[in-house]
């Protein structure tokens, strides 16, 4: 059936946009160079086959290159055939469970995902995780990186697969990431600080699960279900946690991972007695101060407002005590930022560089902020100059139509300062800490006809913001949220 060329609106998980593959070019629009390269590698393959080689390792390289070019052209069936043949050659030449076939399995999964064939992708994902757990020896960094690749593809599945399979992808993403951390623990020293990024990934997937549980529905039910061991009658009984209990379990598990981060940067903490560890809180370093900052974020994400306020103040003070220039600390907290942050940074300079890269790259900034199905760009206006401009438009905000993204709506919002913050438990709508207040529609784009304003606003209210700080105290802020949407031909 011929696919329509009409543009279709597709809500996407912004958290996952950085994982999404680019739209495939149609053959008629394919770059001439890509087609030329494909013909060259196919000619190499035919020459080798003409010499009588049908299952020799010499065929693997041209088959791999042929698959790359077919994928670039959107020819997913042909790409899978080439990858499958290369994988079978590896199996024949080296054995059924050789490690060298894993890159081809991984690329086949990615190819299925890009083609939208999640059923086949899930089947291969199950095989690959089985392979890592049962046939992969010894553990090494390739295993760890392969598990992280699986994790990222499961994150895509949360956004792109059918709703009935999203619980599966949530669970598998968390599991793959957890096993990757176990592998890192087994191959790296206890004080290896490269583990920090892996530990932080556990927090990100736990927050994603908490967000889904908070929204309710079948996915929330799937994530709250626990399989218990068989009873006396031989039947396995399923226990479904109450939402509050499930959220609290995630919050506590997150605190344990943040404590792991703290121990990673605390000098000698792992080998000390309990009495000595009691004094660890007195340790001050830039890295420990940054861990404290992410702890404040975690508390805010779980609506522990009073605790979060105090922890943000502590992070500010610790950064200054660690010798970070006050100007750099003030720059880090000059404006609020959306949490959870996409990466963990153990120093202020790296955090500022990451922010600068995001703000200088329009395309990256437009697709970097994805929360609960809402891809957004956020503009803060501490001096109230931006909001005073009229009329506002995406062009004025340097947010033109991008290759695959288009502006749908602009909303103005406010964040309360310290004197107006309400910290009562469960208080959300009036002066809630870290929550966008007074959302108002500023502009409604031409492509917004199939959408409604109210659902968008409800999604935006679910966002959480690390406050801007002055001397450790939250200051008021205002700004604009630009809602973007994916476009496909």
Protein backbone atom coordinates (compact mmCIF):
# COMPACT_ATOMS: atom_id res chain seq x y z
CA UNK A 1 0.00 0.00 0.00
CA UNK A 2 1.40 3.32 -0.96
CA UNK A 3 2.21 5.58 1.96
CA UNK A 4 0.66 9.01 1.93
CA UNK A 5 2.93 12.01 1.72
CA UNK A 6 0.65 14.00 3.99
CA UNK A 7 2.38 15.28 7.13
CA UNK A 8 1.33 13.49 10.28
CA UNK A 9 1.71 14.75 13.84
CA UNK A 10 3.51 12.28 16.08
CA UNK A 11 3.91 12.98 19.84
CA UNK A 12 7.33 11.66 20.85
CA UNK A 13 9.09 11.04 24.16
CA UNK A 14 11.54 13.92 24.32
CA UNK A 15 13.71 12.02 26.80
CA UNK A 16 14.44 9.65 23.91
CA UNK A 17 14.85 11.96 20.94
CA UNK A 18 18.61 11.78 21.21
CA UNK A 19 18.27 8.05 20.55
CA UNK A 20 15.99 8.29 17.52
CA UNK A 21 17.34 7.43 14.10
CA UNK A 22 17.04 10.05 11.32
CA UNK A 23 14.28 9.63 8.84
CA UNK A 24 15.40 7.47 5.97
CA UNK A 25 15.76 9.06 2.58
CA UNK A 26 13.65 7.70 -0.22
CA UNK A 27 15.56 6.08 -3.05
CA UNK A 28 14.72 8.91 -5.41
CA UNK A 29 16.19 11.41 -2.97
CA UNK A 30 19.21 9.33 -1.97
CA UNK A 31 22.61 11.00 -2.25
CA UNK A 32 24.40 9.92 -5.38
CA UNK A 33 27.51 9.14 -3.35
CA UNK A 34 25.63 6.65 -1.15
CA UNK A 35 24.32 4.77 -4.17
CA UNK A 36 27.75 4.78 -5.77
CA UNK A 37 29.36 3.37 -2.63
CA UNK A 38 26.66 0.69 -2.37
CA UNK A 39 27.32 -0.42 -5.96
CA UNK A 40 31.05 -0.60 -5.24
CA UNK A 41 30.65 -2.87 -2.20
CA UNK A 42 28.12 -5.05 -4.04
CA UNK A 43 30.65 -5.43 -6.88
CA UNK A 44 33.29 -6.49 -4.31
CA UNK A 45 30.88 -9.08 -2.93
CA UNK A 46 30.07 -10.47 -6.39
CA UNK A 47 33.78 -10.80 -7.22
CA UNK A 48 34.42 -12.79 -4.06
CA UNK A 49 31.41 -15.02 -4.71
CA UNK A 50 32.61 -15.62 -8.27
CA UNK A 51 35.77 -17.20 -6.86
CA UNK A 52 33.67 -19.79 -5.04
CA UNK A 53 33.53 -18.10 -1.63
CA UNK A 54 30.03 -18.34 -0.18
CA UNK A 55 30.60 -18.61 3.59
CA UNK A 56 34.10 -17.21 4.03
CA UNK A 57 35.12 -14.49 6.48
CA UNK A 58 36.25 -12.33 3.53
CA UNK A 59 32.58 -11.70 2.76
CA UNK A 60 31.84 -10.15 6.15
CA UNK A 61 33.35 -6.73 5.43
CA UNK A 62 31.47 -6.04 2.15
CA UNK A 63 28.24 -7.43 3.64
CA UNK A 64 28.60 -5.09 6.61
CA UNK A 65 29.19 -2.09 4.34
CA UNK A 66 26.28 -3.08 2.09
CA UNK A 67 24.01 -3.21 5.17
CA UNK A 68 25.16 0.26 6.24
CA UNK A 69 24.27 1.77 2.89
CA UNK A 70 20.93 -0.01 2.63
CA UNK A 71 20.03 1.38 6.08
CA UNK A 72 21.05 4.86 4.96
CA UNK A 73 18.67 4.47 2.03
CA UNK A 74 15.82 3.17 4.18
CA UNK A 75 16.00 -0.31 2.60
CA UNK A 76 15.55 -2.15 5.89
CA UNK A 77 14.70 -5.59 4.44
CA UNK A 78 17.84 -5.62 2.31
CA UNK A 79 19.94 -4.37 5.24
CA UNK A 80 18.65 -7.14 7.50
CA UNK A 81 19.39 -9.78 4.86
CA UNK A 82 23.00 -8.59 4.58
CA UNK A 83 23.48 -8.48 8.36
CA UNK A 84 21.87 -11.88 8.83
CA UNK A 85 24.16 -13.43 6.24
CA UNK A 86 27.23 -11.87 7.89
CA UNK A 87 26.09 -13.21 11.26
CA UNK A 88 25.60 -16.72 9.87
CA UNK A 89 29.09 -16.66 8.36
CA UNK A 90 30.53 -15.80 11.78
CA UNK A 91 28.59 -18.68 13.34
CA UNK A 92 29.78 -21.18 10.70
CA UNK A 93 33.41 -20.09 10.88
CA UNK A 94 33.78 -19.44 14.61
CA UNK A 95 30.97 -21.26 16.41
CA UNK A 96 27.32 -20.86 17.35
CA UNK A 97 27.89 -18.72 20.43
CA UNK A 98 30.89 -16.63 19.45
CA UNK A 99 31.11 -13.07 20.75
CA UNK A 100 31.96 -11.69 17.31
CA UNK A 101 28.36 -12.15 16.12
CA UNK A 102 27.01 -9.71 18.75
CA UNK A 103 27.72 -6.51 16.76
CA UNK A 104 25.64 -7.92 13.90
CA UNK A 105 22.81 -8.89 16.27
CA UNK A 106 22.86 -5.40 17.73
CA UNK A 107 22.73 -3.77 14.30
CA UNK A 108 19.88 -6.05 13.25
CA UNK A 109 17.90 -4.90 16.27
CA UNK A 110 18.58 -1.26 15.40
CA UNK A 111 17.57 -1.93 11.81
CA UNK A 112 14.28 -3.52 12.93
CA UNK A 113 13.64 -0.58 15.25
CA UNK A 114 14.27 1.96 12.49
CA UNK A 115 11.89 0.00 10.26
CA UNK A 116 9.24 0.03 12.99
CA UNK A 117 9.28 -3.77 13.32
CA UNK A 118 9.26 -3.93 17.10
CA UNK A 119 8.02 -7.52 17.19
CA UNK A 120 11.20 -8.77 15.51
CA UNK A 121 13.30 -6.34 17.55
CA UNK A 122 11.92 -7.67 20.85
CA UNK A 123 12.66 -11.25 19.82
CA UNK A 124 16.30 -10.41 19.10
CA UNK A 125 16.59 -8.29 22.24
CA UNK A 126 15.52 -11.29 24.32
CA UNK A 127 18.11 -13.45 22.56
CA UNK A 128 20.91 -10.94 23.09
CA UNK A 129 20.26 -10.51 26.84
CA UNK A 130 20.15 -14.33 27.15
CA UNK A 131 23.47 -14.52 25.30
CA UNK A 132 25.13 -12.01 27.65
CA UNK A 133 23.86 -13.77 30.77
CA UNK A 134 24.53 -17.37 29.70
CA UNK A 135 27.23 -17.49 27.02
CA UNK A 136 29.41 -14.43 27.41
CA UNK A 137 32.71 -15.04 29.23
CA UNK A 138 34.69 -13.35 30.59
CA UNK A 139 32.94 -10.13 31.48
CA UNK A 140 34.53 -7.10 29.84
CA UNK A 141 33.79 -3.56 28.68
CA UNK A 142 32.32 -4.84 25.41
CA UNK A 143 29.68 -6.68 27.44
CA UNK A 144 28.98 -3.57 29.50
CA UNK A 145 28.65 -1.38 26.39
CA UNK A 146 26.46 -3.95 24.65
CA UNK A 147 24.09 -4.00 27.62
CA UNK A 148 23.95 -0.20 27.54
CA UNK A 149 23.09 -0.35 23.84
CA UNK A 150 20.21 -2.69 24.72
CA UNK A 151 19.15 -0.26 27.45
CA UNK A 152 18.99 2.63 25.00
CA UNK A 153 16.98 0.64 22.50
CA UNK A 154 14.50 -0.34 25.20
CA UNK A 155 14.16 3.36 26.00
CA UNK A 156 13.20 3.89 22.37
CA UNK A 157 10.69 1.09 22.78
CA UNK A 158 9.01 2.96 25.63
CA UNK A 159 8.37 5.79 23.20
CA UNK A 160 7.78 3.97 19.93
CA UNK A 161 6.45 0.45 20.55
CA UNK A 162 2.77 -0.33 21.04
CA UNK A 163 1.36 0.67 24.41
CA UNK A 164 0.84 -2.94 25.50
CA UNK A 165 4.61 -3.53 25.31
CA UNK A 166 5.82 -0.39 27.10
CA UNK A 167 5.84 -2.06 30.50
CA UNK A 168 8.10 -4.74 29.04
CA UNK A 169 10.52 -2.09 27.73
CA UNK A 170 10.51 -0.25 31.07
CA UNK A 171 11.44 -3.41 32.94
CA UNK A 172 14.02 -4.54 30.39
CA UNK A 173 15.62 -1.09 30.19
CA UNK A 174 16.05 -1.03 33.97
CA UNK A 175 17.37 -4.59 34.00
CA UNK A 176 19.89 -4.08 31.17
CA UNK A 177 21.22 -0.92 32.79
CA UNK A 178 21.47 -2.63 36.18
CA UNK A 179 23.40 -5.60 34.77
CA UNK A 180 25.74 -3.18 32.96
CA UNK A 181 26.53 -1.61 36.34
CA UNK A 182 27.14 -5.07 37.86
CA UNK A 183 29.60 -5.79 35.03
CA UNK A 184 31.34 -2.46 35.64
CA UNK A 185 31.65 -3.33 39.33
CA UNK A 186 33.27 -6.65 38.44
CA UNK A 187 35.83 -5.33 35.94
CA UNK A 188 36.69 -1.89 37.37
CA UNK A 189 38.22 -0.96 40.74
CA UNK A 190 35.87 0.16 43.52
CA UNK A 191 37.02 3.77 43.15
CA UNK A 192 36.69 3.90 39.34
CA UNK A 193 34.81 7.12 38.73
CA UNK A 194 33.64 6.14 35.28
CA UNK A 195 30.93 4.28 37.21
CA UNK A 196 29.29 7.62 38.05
CA UNK A 197 27.55 7.83 34.68
CA UNK A 198 26.23 4.27 35.00
CA UNK A 199 24.95 4.94 38.50
CA UNK A 200 23.20 8.09 37.30
CA UNK A 201 21.49 6.15 34.50
CA UNK A 202 19.77 4.08 37.22
CA UNK A 203 18.28 7.30 38.58
CA UNK A 204 17.05 8.38 35.16
CA UNK A 205 15.20 5.15 34.43
CA UNK A 206 13.75 5.11 37.95
CA UNK A 207 12.43 8.63 37.44
CA UNK A 208 10.90 7.56 34.12
CA UNK A 209 9.14 4.69 35.92
CA UNK A 210 7.97 7.00 38.71
CA UNK A 211 6.51 9.39 36.14
CA UNK A 212 4.60 6.54 34.48
CA UNK A 213 3.28 5.30 37.83
CA UNK A 214 2.17 8.82 38.71
CA UNK A 215 0.10 9.03 35.53
CA UNK A 216 -1.77 5.77 36.26
CA UNK A 217 -3.28 3.38 33.72
CA UNK A 218 -2.17 -0.04 32.48
CA UNK A 219 1.50 0.90 32.26
CA UNK A 220 1.49 2.05 35.89
CA UNK A 221 -0.19 -1.24 36.88
CA UNK A 222 2.49 -3.23 35.02
CA UNK A 223 5.28 -1.33 36.77
CA UNK A 224 3.69 -1.80 40.21
CA UNK A 225 3.29 -5.58 39.76
CA UNK A 226 5.66 -7.93 41.58
CA UNK A 227 5.95 -11.64 40.84
CA UNK A 228 6.15 -13.66 44.06
CA UNK A 229 7.54 -17.15 44.43
CA UNK A 230 5.09 -20.10 44.07
CA UNK A 231 2.88 -20.93 47.02
CA UNK A 232 2.14 -24.36 48.48
CA UNK A 233 -0.35 -25.05 45.71
CA UNK A 234 2.31 -24.40 43.06
CA UNK A 235 0.71 -21.24 41.68
CA UNK A 236 2.62 -17.96 41.37
CA UNK A 237 0.71 -15.07 42.85
CA UNK A 238 1.15 -11.52 41.63
CA UNK A 239 1.25 -8.69 44.10
CA UNK A 240 0.49 -5.18 42.90
CA UNK A 241 1.89 -2.42 45.08
CA UNK A 242 -0.17 0.64 45.84
CA UNK A 243 1.07 3.68 43.87
CA UNK A 244 2.36 5.38 47.02
CA UNK A 245 4.33 2.28 48.04
CA UNK A 246 5.78 1.83 44.54
CA UNK A 247 6.84 5.48 44.34
CA UNK A 248 8.39 5.34 47.79
CA UNK A 249 10.33 2.21 46.85
CA UNK A 250 11.74 4.02 43.79
CA UNK A 251 12.58 7.10 45.89
CA UNK A 252 14.47 5.02 48.46
CA UNK A 253 16.28 3.02 45.77
CA UNK A 254 17.33 6.30 44.18
CA UNK A 255 18.72 7.52 47.48
CA UNK A 256 20.81 4.35 47.71
CA UNK A 257 22.30 5.06 44.29
CA UNK A 258 23.01 8.66 45.26
CA UNK A 259 24.80 7.35 48.35
CA UNK A 260 26.89 5.17 46.01
CA UNK A 261 27.80 8.30 44.08
CA UNK A 262 28.78 10.04 47.30
CA UNK A 263 30.96 7.12 48.39
CA UNK A 264 32.61 7.06 44.97
CA UNK A 265 33.90 10.59 45.52
CA UNK A 266 34.41 10.46 49.29
CA UNK A 267 38.05 9.80 50.17
CA UNK A 268 38.39 6.27 51.52
CA UNK A 269 34.78 6.06 52.65
CA UNK A 270 34.33 2.46 51.55
CA UNK A 271 36.98 1.09 53.91
CA UNK A 272 36.13 3.03 57.04
CA UNK A 273 34.27 1.92 60.15
CA UNK A 274 30.75 3.15 60.86
CA UNK A 275 32.12 5.59 63.42
CA UNK A 276 34.55 7.02 60.88
CA UNK A 277 31.87 7.17 58.16
CA UNK A 278 29.71 9.29 60.45
CA UNK A 279 32.16 12.09 59.79
CA UNK A 280 32.01 11.74 55.99
CA UNK A 281 29.37 14.45 55.81
CA UNK A 282 32.10 16.90 56.83
CA UNK A 283 34.10 16.11 53.72
CA UNK A 284 33.94 18.89 51.19
CA UNK A 285 34.97 18.72 47.57
CA UNK A 286 33.56 20.03 44.32
CA UNK A 287 32.45 16.53 43.29
CA UNK A 288 30.71 15.88 46.60
CA UNK A 289 28.97 19.24 46.31
CA UNK A 290 27.71 18.26 42.86
CA UNK A 291 26.44 14.94 44.25
CA UNK A 292 24.59 16.98 46.88
CA UNK A 293 23.05 19.05 44.09
CA UNK A 294 21.72 15.93 42.34
CA UNK A 295 20.41 14.72 45.69
CA UNK A 296 18.43 17.96 45.94
CA UNK A 297 17.06 17.31 42.45
CA UNK A 298 15.96 13.81 43.47
CA UNK A 299 14.15 15.12 46.53
CA UNK A 300 12.39 17.74 44.44
CA UNK A 301 11.36 15.15 41.84
CA UNK A 302 9.61 13.23 44.63
CA UNK A 303 8.01 16.39 46.05
CA UNK A 304 10.10 16.52 49.23
CA UNK A 305 10.07 20.28 48.99
CA UNK A 306 11.45 21.33 52.39
CA UNK A 307 14.27 18.78 52.20
CA UNK A 308 15.08 19.84 48.64
CA UNK A 309 15.28 23.51 49.60
CA UNK A 310 17.75 22.78 52.39
CA UNK A 311 19.83 20.47 50.17
CA UNK A 312 20.10 23.08 47.41
CA UNK A 313 21.38 25.56 50.01
CA UNK A 314 23.93 23.00 51.21
CA UNK A 315 25.12 22.36 47.62
CA UNK A 316 25.66 26.12 47.07
CA UNK A 317 27.65 26.42 50.32
CA UNK A 318 29.70 23.27 49.63
CA UNK A 319 30.72 24.49 46.17
CA UNK A 320 32.03 27.72 47.67
CA UNK A 321 33.79 25.83 50.48
CA UNK A 322 35.41 23.57 47.87
CA UNK A 323 37.04 26.62 46.29
CA UNK A 324 34.81 27.08 43.23
CA UNK A 325 34.74 30.76 42.25
CA UNK A 326 31.53 32.46 43.35
CA UNK A 327 31.07 33.79 39.81
CA UNK A 328 31.03 30.23 38.46
CA UNK A 329 28.60 29.05 41.13
CA UNK A 330 26.35 32.02 40.40
CA UNK A 331 26.50 31.25 36.66
CA UNK A 332 25.57 27.60 37.30
CA UNK A 333 22.45 28.69 39.20
CA UNK A 334 21.66 31.87 37.27
CA UNK A 335 18.53 30.37 35.76
CA UNK A 336 16.41 27.32 36.56
CA UNK A 337 16.86 24.11 34.61
CA UNK A 338 14.71 21.10 33.87
CA UNK A 339 15.38 17.96 35.93
CA UNK A 340 16.45 15.25 35.86
CA UNK A 341 19.46 16.45 33.90
CA UNK A 342 20.49 14.19 31.00
CA UNK A 343 23.98 13.62 32.43
CA UNK A 344 25.85 13.62 35.72
CA UNK A 345 28.66 16.18 35.99
CA UNK A 346 31.07 16.05 38.92
CA UNK A 347 32.35 19.61 38.45
CA UNK A 348 30.92 23.02 37.64
CA UNK A 349 33.06 23.64 34.56
CA UNK A 350 31.76 20.52 32.79
CA UNK A 351 28.17 21.38 33.72
CA UNK A 352 28.56 24.88 32.28
CA UNK A 353 30.19 23.56 29.09
CA UNK A 354 27.34 21.11 28.59
CA UNK A 355 24.81 23.92 28.96
CA UNK A 356 26.73 26.08 26.49
CA UNK A 357 26.80 23.28 23.90
CA UNK A 358 23.06 22.74 24.22
CA UNK A 359 22.24 26.43 23.87
CA UNK A 360 24.53 26.90 20.85
CA UNK A 361 23.12 23.96 18.92
CA UNK A 362 19.52 24.73 17.94
CA UNK A 363 18.79 21.22 16.68
CA UNK A 364 20.25 19.57 19.77
CA UNK A 365 18.45 21.94 22.10
CA UNK A 366 15.19 21.36 20.30
CA UNK A 367 15.33 17.62 20.81
CA UNK A 368 17.27 17.29 24.07
CA UNK A 369 14.49 18.02 26.53
CA UNK A 370 11.96 15.21 26.53
CA UNK A 371 9.78 14.60 29.53
CA UNK A 372 6.64 12.46 29.67
CA UNK A 373 5.95 12.71 25.97
CA UNK A 374 6.55 16.46 25.79
CA UNK A 375 9.45 17.66 23.63
CA UNK A 376 10.17 21.24 24.67
CA UNK A 377 12.60 24.12 24.46
CA UNK A 378 12.68 26.40 27.44
CA UNK A 379 13.66 30.08 27.51
CA UNK A 380 14.16 31.77 30.88
CA UNK A 381 13.70 35.51 31.22
CA UNK A 382 14.99 36.68 34.58
CA UNK A 383 14.89 40.37 33.60
CA UNK A 384 11.39 40.16 32.10
CA UNK A 385 12.63 41.64 28.83
CA UNK A 386 11.77 38.67 26.67
CA UNK A 387 8.18 38.48 27.86
CA UNK A 388 7.75 42.19 27.31
CA UNK A 389 8.34 41.72 23.59
CA UNK A 390 5.26 41.40 21.42
CA UNK A 391 4.35 39.62 19.30
CA UNK A 392 6.37 36.49 20.13
CA UNK A 393 7.13 33.83 17.54
CA UNK A 394 9.44 30.83 17.15
CA UNK A 395 11.54 32.85 14.70
CA UNK A 396 12.17 35.57 17.28
CA UNK A 397 13.29 32.89 19.73
CA UNK A 398 15.69 31.36 17.19
CA UNK A 399 13.43 28.34 16.98
CA UNK A 400 12.57 27.97 13.29
CA UNK A 401 11.29 24.79 11.72
CA UNK A 402 13.96 22.13 12.01
CA UNK A 403 14.46 19.09 9.82
CA UNK A 404 12.13 16.82 11.79
CA UNK A 405 10.63 19.18 14.38
CA UNK A 406 8.18 22.03 14.19
CA UNK A 407 6.88 24.49 16.75
CA UNK A 408 3.34 23.78 17.90
CA UNK A 409 2.76 26.18 20.77
CA UNK A 410 4.44 28.71 23.06
CA UNK A 411 3.44 28.96 26.71
CA UNK A 412 4.54 31.57 29.22
CA UNK A 413 5.15 30.42 32.79
CA UNK A 414 6.53 31.53 36.14
CA UNK A 415 8.52 29.90 38.95
CA UNK A 416 8.07 31.29 42.48
CA UNK A 417 10.88 32.75 44.55
CA UNK A 418 11.68 31.78 48.12
CA UNK A 419 9.16 34.14 49.73
CA UNK A 420 6.29 32.64 47.71
CA UNK A 421 7.19 28.94 47.74
CA UNK A 422 4.62 26.69 49.37
CA UNK A 423 6.25 23.62 50.94
CA UNK A 424 3.27 21.80 52.41
CA UNK A 425 3.31 18.09 51.43
CA UNK A 426 1.26 17.39 48.32
CA UNK A 427 0.78 21.09 47.53
CA UNK A 428 1.17 21.41 43.75
CA UNK A 429 -0.91 24.05 42.09
CA UNK A 430 -0.37 27.28 44.02
CA UNK A 431 3.27 28.39 44.25
CA UNK A 432 4.47 24.80 44.14
CA UNK A 433 8.26 24.54 44.36
CA UNK A 434 9.88 23.59 41.04
CA UNK A 435 6.57 23.49 39.13
CA UNK A 436 5.62 25.86 36.29
CA UNK A 437 2.98 28.31 37.52
CA UNK A 438 0.49 30.54 35.69
CA UNK A 439 0.87 28.75 32.37
CA UNK A 440 -0.66 30.79 29.56
CA UNK A 441 -0.85 30.16 25.82
CA UNK A 442 1.16 32.77 23.90
CA UNK A 443 1.05 31.37 20.36
CA UNK A 444 -0.69 28.43 18.70
CA UNK A 445 1.12 27.07 15.61
CA UNK A 446 -0.43 26.29 12.23
CA UNK A 447 0.24 22.53 12.62
CA UNK A 448 -1.62 22.34 15.94
CA UNK A 449 -5.08 21.62 14.54
CA UNK A 450 -5.16 18.02 15.75
CA UNK A 451 -4.09 18.91 19.30
CA UNK A 452 -5.81 20.50 22.29
CA UNK A 453 -4.35 23.08 24.63
CA UNK A 454 -5.46 21.56 27.94
CA UNK A 455 -3.65 18.20 27.60
CA UNK A 456 -0.46 20.02 26.65
CA UNK A 457 -0.72 22.25 29.70
CA UNK A 458 -1.33 19.25 31.96
CA UNK A 459 1.82 17.64 30.60
CA UNK A 460 3.85 20.79 31.12
CA UNK A 461 2.70 21.05 34.73
CA UNK A 462 4.31 17.65 35.33
CA UNK A 463 7.75 19.09 34.54
CA UNK A 464 10.09 19.76 37.46
CA UNK A 465 12.67 22.55 37.55
CA UNK A 466 15.85 22.91 39.55
CA UNK A 467 15.47 26.45 40.90
CA UNK A 468 17.71 29.35 40.08
CA UNK A 469 19.61 30.29 43.25
CA UNK A 470 21.00 33.50 44.67
CA UNK A 471 23.26 32.86 47.67
CA UNK A 472 21.67 29.43 47.93
CA UNK A 473 18.10 30.76 48.00
CA UNK A 474 15.63 30.22 45.12
CA UNK A 475 14.78 33.37 43.17
CA UNK A 476 11.69 33.99 41.08
CA UNK A 477 11.90 33.38 37.33
CA UNK A 478 9.69 33.60 34.28
CA UNK A 479 10.04 32.30 30.77
CA UNK A 480 8.59 30.54 27.77
CA UNK A 481 8.15 26.88 26.94
CA UNK A 482 8.24 26.06 23.23
CA UNK A 483 6.40 22.80 22.52
CA UNK A 484 7.72 20.93 19.48
CA UNK A 485 6.33 17.99 17.61
CA UNK A 486 7.82 15.40 15.28
CA UNK A 487 6.93 15.54 11.60
CA UNK A 488 7.15 12.62 9.18
CA UNK A 489 6.46 12.64 5.45
